[in-house]
Amino acid sequence: MKTALSKCPVCDSELTVTRLHCETCDTSIEGRFANGAFAGLAPEQLDFIETFVRCEGKITRMEDEMALSYPTIRNRLQEVIRALGYEPGKEETGEISDEKRRSVLEELDSGKISAEEAMRVLNGEE
């Protein structure tokens, strides 16, 4: 079964679901129904979310399953967060800059610092 469209293919406006149907008992319900928060996400973003949930939000497991680096997974997660209408890290206090975070992750990836040291810096402890 194909996924429902969330945008009009003609004018790109938000579509409204107006009819639901049960294949088992042939019941139909008509009205106006919300599409939900995930309706506007791209298929790749939905796959990412499914993997994130299956891995219980553990990025280390996602690294193995998706064969991607920590920074790449983190960037994709931030893209999904933005696509849902939120700003990543907005609620955090003492947040470090994206540039500093990238630098720390690159140092971790290259083996220049340990995971523990990277966590301290990312958590604002250093």
PDB file of N, CA and C in Angstrom:
ATOM      1  N   MET A   1       0.850  -1.177   0.000  1.00  0.00           N
ATOM      2  CA  MET A   1       0.000   0.000   0.000  1.00  0.00           C
ATOM      3  C   MET A   1       0.893   1.237   0.000  1.00  0.00           C
ATOM      4  N   LYS A   2       0.566   2.204  -0.786  1.00  0.00           N
ATOM      5  CA  LYS A   2       1.337   3.445  -0.864  1.00  0.00           C
ATOM      6  C   LYS A   2       1.010   4.356   0.309  1.00  0.00           C
ATOM      7  N   THR A   3       1.950   5.235   0.620  1.00  0.00           N
ATOM      8  CA  THR A   3       1.720   6.222   1.685  1.00  0.00           C
ATOM      9  C   THR A   3       0.847   7.346   1.134  1.00  0.00           C
ATOM     10  N   ALA A   4       0.038   7.906   2.016  1.00  0.00           N
ATOM     11  CA  ALA A   4      -0.854   9.002   1.617  1.00  0.00           C
ATOM     12  C   ALA A   4      -0.035  10.255   1.341  1.00  0.00           C
ATOM     13  N   LEU A   5      -0.487  11.022   0.377  1.00  0.00           N
ATOM     14  CA  LEU A   5       0.139  12.313   0.093  1.00  0.00           C
ATOM     15  C   LEU A   5      -0.224  13.293   1.199  1.00  0.00           C
ATOM     16  N   SER A   6       0.656  14.228   1.477  1.00  0.00           N
ATOM     17  CA  SER A   6       0.344  15.260   2.463  1.00  0.00           C
ATOM     18  C   SER A   6       0.265  16.639   1.812  1.00  0.00           C
ATOM     19  N   LYS A   7       0.826  16.763   0.606  1.00  0.00           N
ATOM     20  CA  LYS A   7       0.803  18.029  -0.140  1.00  0.00           C
ATOM     21  C   LYS A   7       0.104  17.815  -1.476  1.00  0.00           C
ATOM     22  N   CYS A   8      -0.630  18.821  -1.907  1.00  0.00           N
ATOM     23  CA  CYS A   8      -1.320  18.775  -3.194  1.00  0.00           C
ATOM     24  C   CYS A   8      -0.292  18.764  -4.322  1.00  0.00           C
ATOM     25  N   PRO A   9      -0.399  17.815  -5.265  1.00  0.00           N
ATOM     26  CA  PRO A   9       0.565  17.774  -6.368  1.00  0.00           C
ATOM     27  C   PRO A   9       0.398  18.933  -7.354  1.00  0.00           C
ATOM     28  N   VAL A  10      -0.712  19.663  -7.287  1.00  0.00           N
ATOM     29  CA  VAL A  10      -0.950  20.775  -8.204  1.00  0.00           C
ATOM     30  C   VAL A  10      -0.439  22.092  -7.629  1.00  0.00           C
ATOM     31  N   CYS A  11      -0.853  22.411  -6.386  1.00  0.00           N
ATOM     32  CA  CYS A  11      -0.511  23.734  -5.823  1.00  0.00           C
ATOM     33  C   CYS A  11       0.382  23.672  -4.592  1.00  0.00           C
ATOM     34  N   ASP A  12       0.719  22.467  -4.132  1.00  0.00           N
ATOM     35  CA  ASP A  12       1.609  22.255  -2.983  1.00  0.00           C
ATOM     36  C   ASP A  12       0.989  22.662  -1.641  1.00  0.00           C
ATOM     37  N   SER A  13      -0.340  22.835  -1.601  1.00  0.00           N
ATOM     38  CA  SER A  13      -1.013  23.133  -0.333  1.00  0.00           C
ATOM     39  C   SER A  13      -1.177  21.849   0.476  1.00  0.00           C
ATOM     40  N   GLU A  14      -1.417  22.015   1.784  1.00  0.00           N
ATOM     41  CA  GLU A  14      -1.629  20.879   2.680  1.00  0.00           C
ATOM     42  C   GLU A  14      -2.937  20.183   2.316  1.00  0.00           C
ATOM     43  N   LEU A  15      -2.889  18.849   2.159  1.00  0.00           N
ATOM     44  CA  LEU A  15      -4.103  18.076   1.884  1.00  0.00           C
ATOM     45  C   LEU A  15      -4.805  17.727   3.194  1.00  0.00           C
ATOM     46  N   THR A  16      -6.114  17.555   3.144  1.00  0.00           N
ATOM     47  CA  THR A  16      -6.913  17.162   4.300  1.00  0.00           C
ATOM     48  C   THR A  16      -7.495  15.784   4.047  1.00  0.00           C
ATOM     49  N   VAL A  17      -7.350  14.894   5.011  1.00  0.00           N
ATOM     50  CA  VAL A  17      -7.956  13.564   4.904  1.00  0.00           C
ATOM     51  C   VAL A  17      -9.440  13.724   5.201  1.00  0.00           C
ATOM     52  N   THR A  18     -10.297  13.229   4.309  1.00  0.00           N
ATOM     53  CA  THR A  18     -11.743  13.386   4.498  1.00  0.00           C
ATOM     54  C   THR A  18     -12.492  12.067   4.550  1.00  0.00           C
ATOM     55  N   ARG A  19     -11.798  10.951   4.273  1.00  0.00           N
ATOM     56  CA  ARG A  19     -12.495   9.665   4.297  1.00  0.00           C
ATOM     57  C   ARG A  19     -11.540   8.570   4.743  1.00  0.00           C
ATOM     58  N   LEU A  20     -11.998   7.740   5.674  1.00  0.00           N
ATOM     59  CA  LEU A  20     -11.252   6.573   6.138  1.00  0.00           C
ATOM     60  C   LEU A  20     -12.087   5.337   5.827  1.00  0.00           C
ATOM     61  N   HIS A  21     -11.419   4.253   5.459  1.00  0.00           N
ATOM     62  CA  HIS A  21     -12.159   3.053   5.064  1.00  0.00           C
ATOM     63  C   HIS A  21     -11.511   1.808   5.662  1.00  0.00           C
ATOM     64  N   CYS A  22     -12.347   0.891   6.180  1.00  0.00           N
ATOM     65  CA  CYS A  22     -11.887  -0.390   6.712  1.00  0.00           C
ATOM     66  C   CYS A  22     -12.102  -1.461   5.643  1.00  0.00           C
ATOM     67  N   GLU A  23     -11.035  -2.081   5.187  1.00  0.00           N
ATOM     68  CA  GLU A  23     -11.114  -3.133   4.168  1.00  0.00           C
ATOM     69  C   GLU A  23     -11.799  -4.394   4.700  1.00  0.00           C
ATOM     70  N   THR A  24     -11.691  -4.654   6.002  1.00  0.00           N
ATOM     71  CA  THR A  24     -12.246  -5.879   6.581  1.00  0.00           C
ATOM     72  C   THR A  24     -13.766  -5.868   6.612  1.00  0.00           C
ATOM     73  N   CYS A  25     -14.358  -4.789   7.158  1.00  0.00           N
ATOM     74  CA  CYS A  25     -15.818  -4.772   7.307  1.00  0.00           C
ATOM     75  C   CYS A  25     -16.510  -3.797   6.365  1.00  0.00           C
ATOM     76  N   ASP A  26     -15.737  -3.166   5.496  1.00  0.00           N
ATOM     77  CA  ASP A  26     -16.265  -2.234   4.496  1.00  0.00           C
ATOM     78  C   ASP A  26     -16.933  -1.001   5.110  1.00  0.00           C
ATOM     79  N   THR A  27     -16.481  -0.605   6.298  1.00  0.00           N
ATOM     80  CA  THR A  27     -16.998   0.605   6.935  1.00  0.00           C
ATOM     81  C   THR A  27     -16.208   1.809   6.446  1.00  0.00           C
ATOM     82  N   SER A  28     -16.914   2.892   6.151  1.00  0.00           N
ATOM     83  CA  SER A  28     -16.261   4.144   5.768  1.00  0.00           C
ATOM     84  C   SER A  28     -16.685   5.240   6.730  1.00  0.00           C
ATOM     85  N   ILE A  29     -15.735   6.108   7.058  1.00  0.00           N
ATOM     86  CA  ILE A  29     -16.003   7.233   7.944  1.00  0.00           C
ATOM     87  C   ILE A  29     -15.567   8.484   7.196  1.00  0.00           C
ATOM     88  N   GLU A  30     -16.472   9.463   7.124  1.00  0.00           N
ATOM     89  CA  GLU A  30     -16.135  10.699   6.431  1.00  0.00           C
ATOM     90  C   GLU A  30     -16.113  11.859   7.415  1.00  0.00           C
ATOM     91  N   GLY A  31     -15.234  12.813   7.168  1.00  0.00           N
ATOM     92  CA  GLY A  31     -15.073  13.991   8.014  1.00  0.00           C
ATOM     93  C   GLY A  31     -13.760  14.661   7.671  1.00  0.00           C
ATOM     94  N   ARG A  32     -13.256  15.463   8.586  1.00  0.00           N
ATOM     95  CA  ARG A  32     -11.940  16.106   8.392  1.00  0.00           C
ATOM     96  C   ARG A  32     -11.008  15.563   9.464  1.00  0.00           C
ATOM     97  N   PHE A  33      -9.890  14.984   9.029  1.00  0.00           N
ATOM     98  CA  PHE A  33      -8.952  14.349   9.943  1.00  0.00           C
ATOM     99  C   PHE A  33      -7.563  14.942   9.748  1.00  0.00           C
ATOM    100  N   ALA A  34      -6.858  15.134  10.844  1.00  0.00           N
ATOM    101  CA  ALA A  34      -5.494  15.661  10.780  1.00  0.00           C
ATOM    102  C   ALA A  34      -4.568  14.589  10.221  1.00  0.00           C
ATOM    103  N   ASN A  35      -3.567  15.030   9.477  1.00  0.00           N
ATOM    104  CA  ASN A  35      -2.601  14.097   8.899  1.00  0.00           C
ATOM    105  C   ASN A  35      -1.599  13.583   9.926  1.00  0.00           C
ATOM    106  N   GLY A  36      -1.336  14.342  10.965  1.00  0.00           N
ATOM    107  CA  GLY A  36      -0.348  13.942  11.956  1.00  0.00           C
ATOM    108  C   GLY A  36       0.993  14.596  11.690  1.00  0.00           C
ATOM    109  N   ALA A  37       1.829  14.613  12.690  1.00  0.00           N
ATOM    110  CA  ALA A  37       3.110  15.321  12.624  1.00  0.00           C
ATOM    111  C   ALA A  37       4.063  14.753  11.582  1.00  0.00           C
ATOM    112  N   PHE A  38       3.998  13.452  11.309  1.00  0.00           N
ATOM    113  CA  PHE A  38       4.966  12.821  10.420  1.00  0.00           C
ATOM    114  C   PHE A  38       4.537  12.808   8.959  1.00  0.00           C
ATOM    115  N   ALA A  39       3.340  13.273   8.658  1.00  0.00           N
ATOM    116  CA  ALA A  39       2.814  13.203   7.294  1.00  0.00           C
ATOM    117  C   ALA A  39       3.649  13.985   6.289  1.00  0.00           C
ATOM    118  N   GLY A  40       4.280  15.056   6.698  1.00  0.00           N
ATOM    119  CA  GLY A  40       5.053  15.879   5.774  1.00  0.00           C
ATOM    120  C   GLY A  40       6.500  15.458   5.603  1.00  0.00           C
ATOM    121  N   LEU A  41       6.911  14.393   6.282  1.00  0.00           N
ATOM    122  CA  LEU A  41       8.304  13.957   6.185  1.00  0.00           C
ATOM    123  C   LEU A  41       8.543  13.159   4.907  1.00  0.00           C
ATOM    124  N   ALA A  42       9.758  13.248   4.400  1.00  0.00           N
ATOM    125  CA  ALA A  42      10.162  12.486   3.220  1.00  0.00           C
ATOM    126  C   ALA A  42      10.280  11.006   3.604  1.00  0.00           C
ATOM    127  N   PRO A  43      10.142  10.108   2.638  1.00  0.00           N
ATOM    128  CA  PRO A  43      10.269   8.669   2.933  1.00  0.00           C
ATOM    129  C   PRO A  43      11.574   8.314   3.640  1.00  0.00           C
ATOM    130  N   GLU A  44      12.690   8.962   3.253  1.00  0.00           N
ATOM    131  CA  GLU A  44      13.982   8.671   3.898  1.00  0.00           C
ATOM    132  C   GLU A  44      13.954   9.081   5.373  1.00  0.00           C
ATOM    133  N   GLN A  45      13.265  10.190   5.662  1.00  0.00           N
ATOM    134  CA  GLN A  45      13.166  10.651   7.043  1.00  0.00           C
ATOM    135  C   GLN A  45      12.302   9.691   7.867  1.00  0.00           C
ATOM    136  N   LEU A  46      11.241   9.174   7.273  1.00  0.00           N
ATOM    137  CA  LEU A  46      10.402   8.201   7.975  1.00  0.00           C
ATOM    138  C   LEU A  46      11.176   6.910   8.240  1.00  0.00           C
ATOM    139  N   ASP A  47      11.981   6.475   7.267  1.00  0.00           N
ATOM    140  CA  ASP A  47      12.826   5.292   7.469  1.00  0.00           C
ATOM    141  C   ASP A  47      13.813   5.528   8.607  1.00  0.00           C
ATOM    142  N   PHE A  48      14.379   6.740   8.651  1.00  0.00           N
ATOM    143  CA  PHE A  48      15.316   7.093   9.715  1.00  0.00           C
ATOM    144  C   PHE A  48      14.627   7.003  11.076  1.00  0.00           C
ATOM    145  N   ILE A  49      13.419   7.547  11.176  1.00  0.00           N
ATOM    146  CA  ILE A  49      12.679   7.515  12.441  1.00  0.00           C
ATOM    147  C   ILE A  49      12.380   6.073  12.847  1.00  0.00           C
ATOM    148  N   GLU A  50      11.990   5.245  11.887  1.00  0.00           N
ATOM    149  CA  GLU A  50      11.705   3.839  12.184  1.00  0.00           C
ATOM    150  C   GLU A  50      12.956   3.151  12.731  1.00  0.00           C
ATOM    151  N   THR A  51      14.106   3.410  12.111  1.00  0.00           N
ATOM    152  CA  THR A  51      15.359   2.830  12.581  1.00  0.00           C
ATOM    153  C   THR A  51      15.704   3.361  13.969  1.00  0.00           C
ATOM    154  N   PHE A  52      15.502   4.655  14.192  1.00  0.00           N
ATOM    155  CA  PHE A  52      15.773   5.281  15.481  1.00  0.00           C
ATOM    156  C   PHE A  52      14.956   4.610  16.589  1.00  0.00           C
ATOM    157  N   VAL A  53      13.676   4.367  16.329  1.00  0.00           N
ATOM    158  CA  VAL A  53      12.807   3.728  17.318  1.00  0.00           C
ATOM    159  C   VAL A  53      13.221   2.273  17.525  1.00  0.00           C
ATOM    160  N   ARG A  54      13.485   1.556  16.429  1.00  0.00           N
ATOM    161  CA  ARG A  54      13.892   0.151  16.533  1.00  0.00           C
ATOM    162  C   ARG A  54      15.179   0.014  17.343  1.00  0.00           C
ATOM    163  N   CYS A  55      16.077   1.003  17.209  1.00  0.00           N
ATOM    164  CA  CYS A  55      17.352   0.990  17.943  1.00  0.00           C
ATOM    165  C   CYS A  55      17.223   1.645  19.313  1.00  0.00           C
ATOM    166  N   GLU A  56      15.991   1.945  19.724  1.00  0.00           N
ATOM    167  CA  GLU A  56      15.696   2.542  21.025  1.00  0.00           C
ATOM    168  C   GLU A  56      16.417   3.868  21.227  1.00  0.00           C
ATOM    169  N   GLY A  57      16.644   4.605  20.131  1.00  0.00           N
ATOM    170  CA  GLY A  57      17.288   5.909  20.215  1.00  0.00           C
ATOM    171  C   GLY A  57      18.776   5.853  20.488  1.00  0.00           C
ATOM    172  N   LYS A  58      19.354   4.667  20.408  1.00  0.00           N
ATOM    173  CA  LYS A  58      20.789   4.512  20.682  1.00  0.00           C
ATOM    174  C   LYS A  58      21.565   4.688  19.381  1.00  0.00           C
ATOM    175  N   ILE A  59      22.261   5.805  19.299  1.00  0.00           N
ATOM    176  CA  ILE A  59      22.961   6.151  18.068  1.00  0.00           C
ATOM    177  C   ILE A  59      24.064   5.152  17.758  1.00  0.00           C
ATOM    178  N   THR A  60      24.684   4.567  18.769  1.00  0.00           N
ATOM    179  CA  THR A  60      25.726   3.571  18.510  1.00  0.00           C
ATOM    180  C   THR A  60      25.149   2.360  17.766  1.00  0.00           C
ATOM    181  N   ARG A  61      23.942   1.957  18.116  1.00  0.00           N
ATOM    182  CA  ARG A  61      23.293   0.849  17.392  1.00  0.00           C
ATOM    183  C   ARG A  61      22.933   1.279  15.978  1.00  0.00           C
ATOM    184  N   MET A  62      22.529   2.532  15.828  1.00  0.00           N
ATOM    185  CA  MET A  62      22.188   3.041  14.494  1.00  0.00           C
ATOM    186  C   MET A  62      23.430   3.086  13.605  1.00  0.00           C
ATOM    187  N   GLU A  63      24.582   3.440  14.192  1.00  0.00           N
ATOM    188  CA  GLU A  63      25.827   3.465  13.425  1.00  0.00           C
ATOM    189  C   GLU A  63      26.081   2.102  12.794  1.00  0.00           C
ATOM    190  N   ASP A  64      25.909   1.035  13.582  1.00  0.00           N
ATOM    191  CA  ASP A  64      26.121  -0.320  13.078  1.00  0.00           C
ATOM    192  C   ASP A  64      25.079  -0.690  12.024  1.00  0.00           C
ATOM    193  N   GLU A  65      23.833  -0.422  12.319  1.00  0.00           N
ATOM    194  CA  GLU A  65      22.751  -0.831  11.424  1.00  0.00           C
ATOM    195  C   GLU A  65      22.748  -0.058  10.106  1.00  0.00           C
ATOM    196  N   MET A  66      23.052   1.233  10.173  1.00  0.00           N
ATOM    197  CA  MET A  66      22.988   2.068   8.972  1.00  0.00           C
ATOM    198  C   MET A  66      24.351   2.249   8.302  1.00  0.00           C
ATOM    199  N   ALA A  67      25.403   1.767   8.938  1.00  0.00           N
ATOM    200  CA  ALA A  67      26.778   1.913   8.431  1.00  0.00           C
ATOM    201  C   ALA A  67      27.110   3.386   8.157  1.00  0.00           C
ATOM    202  N   LEU A  68      26.743   4.236   9.125  1.00  0.00           N
ATOM    203  CA  LEU A  68      27.014   5.665   9.028  1.00  0.00           C
ATOM    204  C   LEU A  68      27.750   6.116  10.280  1.00  0.00           C
ATOM    205  N   SER A  69      28.447   7.245  10.183  1.00  0.00           N
ATOM    206  CA  SER A  69      29.175   7.779  11.331  1.00  0.00           C
ATOM    207  C   SER A  69      28.226   8.511  12.281  1.00  0.00           C
ATOM    208  N   TYR A  70      28.700   8.694  13.503  1.00  0.00           N
ATOM    209  CA  TYR A  70      27.916   9.420  14.502  1.00  0.00           C
ATOM    210  C   TYR A  70      27.515  10.804  13.998  1.00  0.00           C
ATOM    211  N   PRO A  71      28.458  11.605  13.453  1.00  0.00           N
ATOM    212  CA  PRO A  71      28.067  12.945  12.990  1.00  0.00           C
ATOM    213  C   PRO A  71      26.990  12.903  11.898  1.00  0.00           C
ATOM    214  N   THR A  72      27.058  11.932  11.009  1.00  0.00           N
ATOM    215  CA  THR A  72      26.056  11.828   9.942  1.00  0.00           C
ATOM    216  C   THR A  72      24.685  11.504  10.526  1.00  0.00           C
ATOM    217  N   ILE A  73      24.637  10.578  11.461  1.00  0.00           N
ATOM    218  CA  ILE A  73      23.357  10.219  12.087  1.00  0.00           C
ATOM    219  C   ILE A  73      22.806  11.406  12.864  1.00  0.00           C
ATOM    220  N   ARG A  74      23.667  12.085  13.586  1.00  0.00           N
ATOM    221  CA  ARG A  74      23.244  13.266  14.355  1.00  0.00           C
ATOM    222  C   ARG A  74      22.681  14.341  13.419  1.00  0.00           C
ATOM    223  N   ASN A  75      23.342  14.565  12.282  1.00  0.00           N
ATOM    224  CA  ASN A  75      22.856  15.550  11.312  1.00  0.00           C
ATOM    225  C   ASN A  75      21.493  15.147  10.750  1.00  0.00           C
ATOM    226  N   ARG A  76      21.326  13.870  10.451  1.00  0.00           N
ATOM    227  CA  ARG A  76      20.027  13.414   9.931  1.00  0.00           C
ATOM    228  C   ARG A  76      18.932  13.564  10.974  1.00  0.00           C
ATOM    229  N   LEU A  77      19.267  13.300  12.226  1.00  0.00           N
ATOM    230  CA  LEU A  77      18.292  13.483  13.298  1.00  0.00           C
ATOM    231  C   LEU A  77      17.894  14.953  13.395  1.00  0.00           C
ATOM    232  N   GLN A  78      18.866  15.855  13.301  1.00  0.00           N
ATOM    233  CA  GLN A  78      18.560  17.279  13.354  1.00  0.00           C
ATOM    234  C   GLN A  78      17.708  17.716  12.165  1.00  0.00           C
ATOM    235  N   GLU A  79      17.933  17.126  10.997  1.00  0.00           N
ATOM    236  CA  GLU A  79      17.099  17.428   9.821  1.00  0.00           C
ATOM    237  C   GLU A  79      15.651  17.026  10.076  1.00  0.00           C
ATOM    238  N   VAL A  80      15.449  15.855  10.680  1.00  0.00           N
ATOM    239  CA  VAL A  80      14.091  15.387  10.992  1.00  0.00           C
ATOM    240  C   VAL A  80      13.441  16.314  12.010  1.00  0.00           C
ATOM    241  N   ILE A  81      14.192  16.699  13.015  1.00  0.00           N
ATOM    242  CA  ILE A  81      13.667  17.606  14.045  1.00  0.00           C
ATOM    243  C   ILE A  81      13.221  18.917  13.410  1.00  0.00           C
ATOM    244  N   ARG A  82      14.042  19.463  12.520  1.00  0.00           N
ATOM    245  CA  ARG A  82      13.677  20.707  11.831  1.00  0.00           C
ATOM    246  C   ARG A  82      12.461  20.507  10.924  1.00  0.00           C
ATOM    247  N   ALA A  83      12.397  19.371  10.228  1.00  0.00           N
ATOM    248  CA  ALA A  83      11.261  19.088   9.344  1.00  0.00           C
ATOM    249  C   ALA A  83       9.951  18.993  10.129  1.00  0.00           C
ATOM    250  N   LEU A  84      10.048  18.632  11.405  1.00  0.00           N
ATOM    251  CA  LEU A  84       8.861  18.564  12.264  1.00  0.00           C
ATOM    252  C   LEU A  84       8.509  19.935  12.843  1.00  0.00           C
ATOM    253  N   GLY A  85       9.319  20.946  12.538  1.00  0.00           N
ATOM    254  CA  GLY A  85       9.012  22.309  12.973  1.00  0.00           C
ATOM    255  C   GLY A  85       9.666  22.735  14.263  1.00  0.00           C
ATOM    256  N   TYR A  86      10.665  21.993  14.712  1.00  0.00           N
ATOM    257  CA  TYR A  86      11.370  22.326  15.951  1.00  0.00           C
ATOM    258  C   TYR A  86      12.797  22.731  15.631  1.00  0.00           C
ATOM    259  N   GLU A  87      13.439  23.396  16.579  1.00  0.00           N
ATOM    260  CA  GLU A  87      14.836  23.751  16.431  1.00  0.00           C
ATOM    261  C   GLU A  87      15.643  22.856  17.363  1.00  0.00           C
ATOM    262  N   PRO A  88      16.557  22.046  16.809  1.00  0.00           N
ATOM    263  CA  PRO A  88      17.332  21.125  17.650  1.00  0.00           C
ATOM    264  C   PRO A  88      18.097  21.856  18.747  1.00  0.00           C
ATOM    265  N   GLY A  89      18.036  21.311  19.959  1.00  0.00           N
ATOM    266  CA  GLY A  89      18.803  21.842  21.069  1.00  0.00           C
ATOM    267  C   GLY A  89      18.286  23.124  21.657  1.00  0.00           C
ATOM    268  N   LYS A  90      17.137  23.603  21.238  1.00  0.00           N
ATOM    269  CA  LYS A  90      16.640  24.893  21.715  1.00  0.00           C
ATOM    270  C   LYS A  90      16.382  24.889  23.219  1.00  0.00           C
ATOM    271  N   GLU A  91      15.948  23.742  23.762  1.00  0.00           N
ATOM    272  CA  GLU A  91      15.644  23.680  25.189  1.00  0.00           C
ATOM    273  C   GLU A  91      16.891  23.484  26.045  1.00  0.00           C
ATOM    274  N   GLU A  92      18.019  23.137  25.394  1.00  0.00           N
ATOM    275  CA  GLU A  92      19.236  22.873  26.144  1.00  0.00           C
ATOM    276  C   GLU A  92      19.791  24.163  26.727  1.00  0.00           C
ATOM    277  N   THR A  93      20.427  24.040  27.882  1.00  0.00           N
ATOM    278  CA  THR A  93      21.106  25.184  28.475  1.00  0.00           C
ATOM    279  C   THR A  93      22.600  24.946  28.371  1.00  0.00           C
ATOM    280  N   GLY A  94      23.354  25.999  28.279  1.00  0.00           N
ATOM    281  CA  GLY A  94      24.799  25.842  28.168  1.00  0.00           C
ATOM    282  C   GLY A  94      25.198  25.138  26.887  1.00  0.00           C
ATOM    283  N   GLU A  95      24.433  25.315  25.848  1.00  0.00           N
ATOM    284  CA  GLU A  95      24.679  24.625  24.593  1.00  0.00           C
ATOM    285  C   GLU A  95      25.952  25.138  23.939  1.00  0.00           C
ATOM    286  N   ILE A  96      26.719  24.205  23.339  1.00  0.00           N
ATOM    287  CA  ILE A  96      27.900  24.617  22.597  1.00  0.00           C
ATOM    288  C   ILE A  96      27.508  24.858  21.150  1.00  0.00           C
ATOM    289  N   SER A  97      28.327  25.586  20.427  1.00  0.00           N
ATOM    290  CA  SER A  97      28.012  25.919  19.044  1.00  0.00           C
ATOM    291  C   SER A  97      28.096  24.675  18.157  1.00  0.00           C
ATOM    292  N   ASP A  98      27.401  24.740  17.022  1.00  0.00           N
ATOM    293  CA  ASP A  98      27.450  23.637  16.053  1.00  0.00           C
ATOM    294  C   ASP A  98      28.876  23.423  15.565  1.00  0.00           C
ATOM    295  N   GLU A  99      29.608  24.518  15.398  1.00  0.00           N
ATOM    296  CA  GLU A  99      30.999  24.425  14.933  1.00  0.00           C
ATOM    297  C   GLU A  99      31.855  23.677  15.963  1.00  0.00           C
ATOM    298  N   LYS A 100      31.675  23.999  17.248  1.00  0.00           N
ATOM    299  CA  LYS A 100      32.436  23.324  18.305  1.00  0.00           C
ATOM    300  C   LYS A 100      32.048  21.854  18.380  1.00  0.00           C
ATOM    301  N   ARG A 101      30.755  21.570  18.268  1.00  0.00           N
ATOM    302  CA  ARG A 101      30.272  20.183  18.310  1.00  0.00           C
ATOM    303  C   ARG A 101      30.897  19.381  17.160  1.00  0.00           C
ATOM    304  N   ARG A 102      30.885  19.965  15.958  1.00  0.00           N
ATOM    305  CA  ARG A 102      31.470  19.300  14.800  1.00  0.00           C
ATOM    306  C   ARG A 102      32.958  19.026  15.023  1.00  0.00           C
ATOM    307  N   SER A 103      33.647  20.016  15.565  1.00  0.00           N
ATOM    308  CA  SER A 103      35.078  19.882  15.829  1.00  0.00           C
ATOM    309  C   SER A 103      35.350  18.744  16.810  1.00  0.00           C
ATOM    310  N   VAL A 104      34.558  18.686  17.882  1.00  0.00           N
ATOM    311  CA  VAL A 104      34.734  17.628  18.890  1.00  0.00           C
ATOM    312  C   VAL A 104      34.470  16.262  18.263  1.00  0.00           C
ATOM    313  N   LEU A 105      33.413  16.163  17.463  1.00  0.00           N
ATOM    314  CA  LEU A 105      33.073  14.882  16.832  1.00  0.00           C
ATOM    315  C   LEU A 105      34.134  14.446  15.825  1.00  0.00           C
ATOM    316  N   GLU A 106      34.721  15.406  15.118  1.00  0.00           N
ATOM    317  CA  GLU A 106      35.808  15.075  14.192  1.00  0.00           C
ATOM    318  C   GLU A 106      37.035  14.580  14.954  1.00  0.00           C
ATOM    319  N   GLU A 107      37.339  15.225  16.095  1.00  0.00           N
ATOM    320  CA  GLU A 107      38.472  14.790  16.915  1.00  0.00           C
ATOM    321  C   GLU A 107      38.220  13.385  17.467  1.00  0.00           C
ATOM    322  N   LEU A 108      36.993  13.123  17.860  1.00  0.00           N
ATOM    323  CA  LEU A 108      36.628  11.792  18.348  1.00  0.00           C
ATOM    324  C   LEU A 108      36.769  10.773  17.232  1.00  0.00           C
ATOM    325  N   ASP A 109      36.250  11.093  16.057  1.00  0.00           N
ATOM    326  CA  ASP A 109      36.294  10.193  14.904  1.00  0.00           C
ATOM    327  C   ASP A 109      37.719   9.867  14.493  1.00  0.00           C
ATOM    328  N   SER A 110      38.621  10.847  14.611  1.00  0.00           N
ATOM    329  CA  SER A 110      40.014  10.632  14.215  1.00  0.00           C
ATOM    330  C   SER A 110      40.843  10.001  15.338  1.00  0.00           C
ATOM    331  N   GLY A 111      40.265   9.838  16.527  1.00  0.00           N
ATOM    332  CA  GLY A 111      40.969   9.210  17.634  1.00  0.00           C
ATOM    333  C   GLY A 111      41.816  10.158  18.453  1.00  0.00           C
ATOM    334  N   LYS A 112      41.684  11.460  18.213  1.00  0.00           N
ATOM    335  CA  LYS A 112      42.476  12.450  18.956  1.00  0.00           C
ATOM    336  C   LYS A 112      42.015  12.594  20.400  1.00  0.00           C
ATOM    337  N   ILE A 113      40.718  12.335  20.641  1.00  0.00           N
ATOM    338  CA  ILE A 113      40.189  12.383  22.013  1.00  0.00           C
ATOM    339  C   ILE A 113      39.351  11.131  22.261  1.00  0.00           C
ATOM    340  N   SER A 114      39.168  10.814  23.535  1.00  0.00           N
ATOM    341  CA  SER A 114      38.375   9.636  23.905  1.00  0.00           C
ATOM    342  C   SER A 114      36.883   9.981  23.904  1.00  0.00           C
ATOM    343  N   ALA A 115      36.063   8.954  23.926  1.00  0.00           N
ATOM    344  CA  ALA A 115      34.612   9.155  23.971  1.00  0.00           C
ATOM    345  C   ALA A 115      34.218   9.882  25.249  1.00  0.00           C
ATOM    346  N   GLU A 116      34.879   9.549  26.358  1.00  0.00           N
ATOM    347  CA  GLU A 116      34.569  10.192  27.632  1.00  0.00           C
ATOM    348  C   GLU A 116      34.892  11.685  27.586  1.00  0.00           C
ATOM    349  N   GLU A 117      36.042  12.008  26.990  1.00  0.00           N
ATOM    350  CA  GLU A 117      36.441  13.416  26.887  1.00  0.00           C
ATOM    351  C   GLU A 117      35.473  14.177  25.975  1.00  0.00           C
ATOM    352  N   ALA A 118      35.092  13.539  24.875  1.00  0.00           N
ATOM    353  CA  ALA A 118      34.135  14.169  23.956  1.00  0.00           C
ATOM    354  C   ALA A 118      32.816  14.436  24.662  1.00  0.00           C
ATOM    355  N   MET A 119      32.335  13.484  25.454  1.00  0.00           N
ATOM    356  CA  MET A 119      31.072  13.654  26.180  1.00  0.00           C
ATOM    357  C   MET A 119      31.166  14.808  27.167  1.00  0.00           C
ATOM    358  N   ARG A 120      32.306  14.923  27.851  1.00  0.00           N
ATOM    359  CA  ARG A 120      32.473  16.033  28.804  1.00  0.00           C
ATOM    360  C   ARG A 120      32.370  17.375  28.074  1.00  0.00           C
ATOM    361  N   VAL A 121      33.044  17.483  26.936  1.00  0.00           N
ATOM    362  CA  VAL A 121      33.030  18.739  26.193  1.00  0.00           C
ATOM    363  C   VAL A 121      31.620  19.011  25.662  1.00  0.00           C
ATOM    364  N   LEU A 122      30.983  18.009  25.072  1.00  0.00           N
ATOM    365  CA  LEU A 122      29.640  18.181  24.503  1.00  0.00           C
ATOM    366  C   LEU A 122      28.599  18.518  25.568  1.00  0.00           C
ATOM    367  N   ASN A 123      28.830  18.036  26.782  1.00  0.00           N
ATOM    368  CA  ASN A 123      27.903  18.341  27.889  1.00  0.00           C
ATOM    369  C   ASN A 123      28.249  19.642  28.595  1.00  0.00           C
ATOM    370  N   GLY A 124      29.269  20.365  28.093  1.00  0.00           N
ATOM    371  CA  GLY A 124      29.616  21.663  28.656  1.00  0.00           C
ATOM    372  C   GLY A 124      30.391  21.579  29.943  1.00  0.00           C
ATOM    373  N   GLU A 125      31.008  20.424  30.225  1.00  0.00           N
ATOM    374  CA  GLU A 125      31.752  20.263  31.471  1.00  0.00           C
ATOM    375  C   GLU A 125      33.178  20.751  31.353  1.00  0.00           C
ATOM    376  N   GLU A 126      33.639  21.074  30.149  1.00  0.00           N
ATOM    377  CA  GLU A 126      35.008  21.559  29.962  1.00  0.00           C
ATOM    378  C   GLU A 126      35.013  22.844  29.211  1.00  0.00           C
TER     379      GLU A 126
END
